[in-house]
Amino acid sequence: MARKKSVQGVINSQKKLKDLQQEIMALQEKEKELQKEIALNLSTLLSDIGAHTIPQDVLIGGILHIIDSVKNNTPYTPQIGEWQQAGHTFLEQKKAPKSKSKKDKSSYPEAA
């Protein structure tokens, strides 16, 4: 009788493992979809704020500087805090009712 329980336990464990593997695969697919959505949203945002008018090497260099600063500064430096606040303010304004004209871009704070 103990052997039957042991075999049943193995079968149950294998089924749980298979279920978990399927769940992991589904979550990985969802992660890829969300990453694509984030990339599209970021691309649209950069276009909306006129980033396309900045030379690509300058824009990429600035982004690399920000990434390096964030990775190497824990806790955040005052400059990173300023960037974070400017981004938060901008995003909150984007969430606000669309009563202002889309062409009026002067309402968001300038980068520090």
C-alpha atoms as a PDB file:
ATOM      1  CA  MET A   1       0.000   0.000   0.000  1.00  0.00           C
ATOM      2  CA  ALA A   2       2.853   2.370   0.810  1.00  0.00           C
ATOM      3  CA  ARG A   3       4.330   1.770  -2.624  1.00  0.00           C
ATOM      4  CA  LYS A   4       1.045   2.733  -4.316  1.00  0.00           C
ATOM      5  CA  LYS A   5       1.027   6.027  -2.416  1.00  0.00           C
ATOM      6  CA  SER A   6       4.640   6.614  -3.416  1.00  0.00           C
ATOM      7  CA  VAL A   7       3.892   6.012  -7.107  1.00  0.00           C
ATOM      8  CA  GLN A   8       0.819   8.237  -6.883  1.00  0.00           C
ATOM      9  CA  GLY A   9       2.949  10.919  -5.236  1.00  0.00           C
ATOM     10  CA  VAL A  10       5.439  10.799  -8.103  1.00  0.00           C
ATOM     11  CA  ILE A  11       2.628  11.024 -10.658  1.00  0.00           C
ATOM     12  CA  ASN A  12       1.078  13.959  -8.809  1.00  0.00           C
ATOM     13  CA  SER A  13       4.444  15.695  -8.544  1.00  0.00           C
ATOM     14  CA  GLN A  14       5.067  15.220 -12.264  1.00  0.00           C
ATOM     15  CA  LYS A  15       1.642  16.663 -13.076  1.00  0.00           C
ATOM     16  CA  LYS A  16       2.311  19.678 -10.831  1.00  0.00           C
ATOM     17  CA  LEU A  17       5.703  20.147 -12.487  1.00  0.00           C
ATOM     18  CA  LYS A  18       4.153  20.023 -15.958  1.00  0.00           C
ATOM     19  CA  ASP A  19       1.473  22.520 -14.897  1.00  0.00           C
ATOM     20  CA  LEU A  20       4.122  24.858 -13.501  1.00  0.00           C
ATOM     21  CA  GLN A  21       6.202  24.589 -16.674  1.00  0.00           C
ATOM     22  CA  GLN A  22       3.157  25.506 -18.758  1.00  0.00           C
ATOM     23  CA  GLU A  23       2.442  28.442 -16.457  1.00  0.00           C
ATOM     24  CA  ILE A  24       6.058  29.607 -16.760  1.00  0.00           C
ATOM     25  CA  MET A  25       5.841  29.455 -20.553  1.00  0.00           C
ATOM     26  CA  ALA A  26       2.591  31.445 -20.520  1.00  0.00           C
ATOM     27  CA  LEU A  27       4.126  34.059 -18.207  1.00  0.00           C
ATOM     28  CA  GLN A  28       7.227  34.320 -20.407  1.00  0.00           C
ATOM     29  CA  GLU A  29       5.005  34.950 -23.430  1.00  0.00           C
ATOM     30  CA  LYS A  30       3.064  37.586 -21.500  1.00  0.00           C
ATOM     31  CA  GLU A  31       6.373  39.191 -20.466  1.00  0.00           C
ATOM     32  CA  LYS A  32       7.437  39.419 -24.136  1.00  0.00           C
ATOM     33  CA  GLU A  33       4.115  41.039 -25.051  1.00  0.00           C
ATOM     34  CA  LEU A  34       4.443  43.573 -22.219  1.00  0.00           C
ATOM     35  CA  GLN A  35       8.028  44.369 -23.240  1.00  0.00           C
ATOM     36  CA  LYS A  36       6.833  45.062 -26.794  1.00  0.00           C
ATOM     37  CA  GLU A  37       4.044  47.287 -25.434  1.00  0.00           C
ATOM     38  CA  ILE A  38       6.510  49.208 -23.255  1.00  0.00           C
ATOM     39  CA  ALA A  39       8.858  49.698 -26.226  1.00  0.00           C
ATOM     40  CA  LEU A  40       6.004  50.967 -28.391  1.00  0.00           C
ATOM     41  CA  ASN A  41       4.779  53.313 -25.651  1.00  0.00           C
ATOM     42  CA  LEU A  42       8.292  54.649 -25.077  1.00  0.00           C
ATOM     43  CA  SER A  43       8.788  55.179 -28.810  1.00  0.00           C
ATOM     44  CA  THR A  44       5.488  57.044 -29.052  1.00  0.00           C
ATOM     45  CA  LEU A  45       6.342  59.163 -26.013  1.00  0.00           C
ATOM     46  CA  LEU A  46       9.763  60.093 -27.420  1.00  0.00           C
ATOM     47  CA  SER A  47       8.114  61.137 -30.649  1.00  0.00           C
ATOM     48  CA  ASP A  48       5.385  63.104 -28.830  1.00  0.00           C
ATOM     49  CA  ILE A  49       7.895  65.147 -26.824  1.00  0.00           C
ATOM     50  CA  GLY A  50      10.034  65.922 -29.858  1.00  0.00           C
ATOM     51  CA  ALA A  51      12.989  63.680 -29.071  1.00  0.00           C
ATOM     52  CA  HIS A  52      13.340  62.974 -32.789  1.00  0.00           C
ATOM     53  CA  THR A  53      14.701  66.514 -33.205  1.00  0.00           C
ATOM     54  CA  ILE A  54      17.705  65.720 -30.997  1.00  0.00           C
ATOM     55  CA  PRO A  55      20.701  64.142 -32.765  1.00  0.00           C
ATOM     56  CA  GLN A  56      20.589  60.382 -32.151  1.00  0.00           C
ATOM     57  CA  ASP A  57      24.095  60.216 -30.703  1.00  0.00           C
ATOM     58  CA  VAL A  58      23.233  62.918 -28.175  1.00  0.00           C
ATOM     59  CA  LEU A  59      19.951  61.257 -27.222  1.00  0.00           C
ATOM     60  CA  ILE A  60      21.527  57.814 -26.890  1.00  0.00           C
ATOM     61  CA  GLY A  61      24.463  59.247 -24.923  1.00  0.00           C
ATOM     62  CA  GLY A  62      22.041  60.962 -22.557  1.00  0.00           C
ATOM     63  CA  ILE A  63      20.051  57.791 -22.066  1.00  0.00           C
ATOM     64  CA  LEU A  64      23.233  55.798 -21.429  1.00  0.00           C
ATOM     65  CA  HIS A  65      24.297  58.421 -18.870  1.00  0.00           C
ATOM     66  CA  ILE A  66      20.957  58.122 -17.094  1.00  0.00           C
ATOM     67  CA  ILE A  67      21.113  54.315 -17.061  1.00  0.00           C
ATOM     68  CA  ASP A  68      24.667  54.387 -15.704  1.00  0.00           C
ATOM     69  CA  SER A  69      23.752  56.997 -13.095  1.00  0.00           C
ATOM     70  CA  VAL A  70      20.763  55.006 -11.854  1.00  0.00           C
ATOM     71  CA  LYS A  71      22.674  51.699 -11.757  1.00  0.00           C
ATOM     72  CA  ASN A  72      25.614  53.185  -9.853  1.00  0.00           C
ATOM     73  CA  ASN A  73      23.855  55.547  -7.432  1.00  0.00           C
ATOM     74  CA  THR A  74      21.950  53.857  -4.649  1.00  0.00           C
ATOM     75  CA  PRO A  75      20.545  55.729  -2.846  1.00  0.00           C
ATOM     76  CA  TYR A  76      19.646  58.183  -5.575  1.00  0.00           C
ATOM     77  CA  THR A  77      21.637  61.359  -6.043  1.00  0.00           C
ATOM     78  CA  PRO A  78      19.812  64.701  -6.070  1.00  0.00           C
ATOM     79  CA  GLN A  79      20.076  64.791  -9.885  1.00  0.00           C
ATOM     80  CA  ILE A  80      18.340  61.430 -10.225  1.00  0.00           C
ATOM     81  CA  GLY A  81      15.671  62.641  -7.802  1.00  0.00           C
ATOM     82  CA  GLU A  82      15.141  65.691 -10.015  1.00  0.00           C
ATOM     83  CA  TRP A  83      14.803  63.489 -13.104  1.00  0.00           C
ATOM     84  CA  GLN A  84      12.372  61.272 -11.258  1.00  0.00           C
ATOM     85  CA  GLN A  85      10.256  64.221 -10.132  1.00  0.00           C
ATOM     86  CA  ALA A  86      10.234  65.739 -13.628  1.00  0.00           C
ATOM     87  CA  GLY A  87       9.145  62.394 -15.073  1.00  0.00           C
ATOM     88  CA  HIS A  88       6.475  61.940 -12.422  1.00  0.00           C
ATOM     89  CA  THR A  89       5.106  65.436 -13.070  1.00  0.00           C
ATOM     90  CA  PHE A  90       5.091  64.843 -16.824  1.00  0.00           C
ATOM     91  CA  LEU A  91       3.323  61.497 -16.509  1.00  0.00           C
ATOM     92  CA  GLU A  92       0.723  62.922 -14.126  1.00  0.00           C
ATOM     93  CA  GLN A  93      -0.010  65.670 -16.635  1.00  0.00           C
ATOM     94  CA  LYS A  94      -0.388  63.046 -19.372  1.00  0.00           C
ATOM     95  CA  LYS A  95      -3.004  61.288 -17.189  1.00  0.00           C
ATOM     96  CA  ALA A  96      -4.931  64.547 -16.627  1.00  0.00           C
ATOM     97  CA  PRO A  97      -8.043  65.241 -18.700  1.00  0.00           C
ATOM     98  CA  LYS A  98      -7.164  66.151 -22.281  1.00  0.00           C
ATOM     99  CA  SER A  99      -8.600  69.664 -22.038  1.00  0.00           C
ATOM    100  CA  LYS A 100      -5.313  71.238 -23.163  1.00  0.00           C
ATOM    101  CA  SER A 101      -4.233  71.179 -26.767  1.00  0.00           C
ATOM    102  CA  LYS A 102      -1.798  68.401 -27.667  1.00  0.00           C
ATOM    103  CA  LYS A 103       0.359  71.024 -29.370  1.00  0.00           C
ATOM    104  CA  ASP A 104       0.943  72.862 -26.063  1.00  0.00           C
ATOM    105  CA  LYS A 105       4.022  71.000 -24.866  1.00  0.00           C
ATOM    106  CA  SER A 106       5.251  73.862 -22.658  1.00  0.00           C
ATOM    107  CA  SER A 107       3.437  72.483 -19.615  1.00  0.00           C
ATOM    108  CA  TYR A 108       5.933  69.744 -18.840  1.00  0.00           C
ATOM    109  CA  PRO A 109       9.129  70.508 -16.943  1.00  0.00           C
ATOM    110  CA  GLU A 110      12.421  70.787 -18.762  1.00  0.00           C
ATOM    111  CA  ALA A 111      15.061  68.150 -18.081  1.00  0.00           C
ATOM    112  CA  ALA A 112      17.660  69.104 -15.485  1.00  0.00           C
END
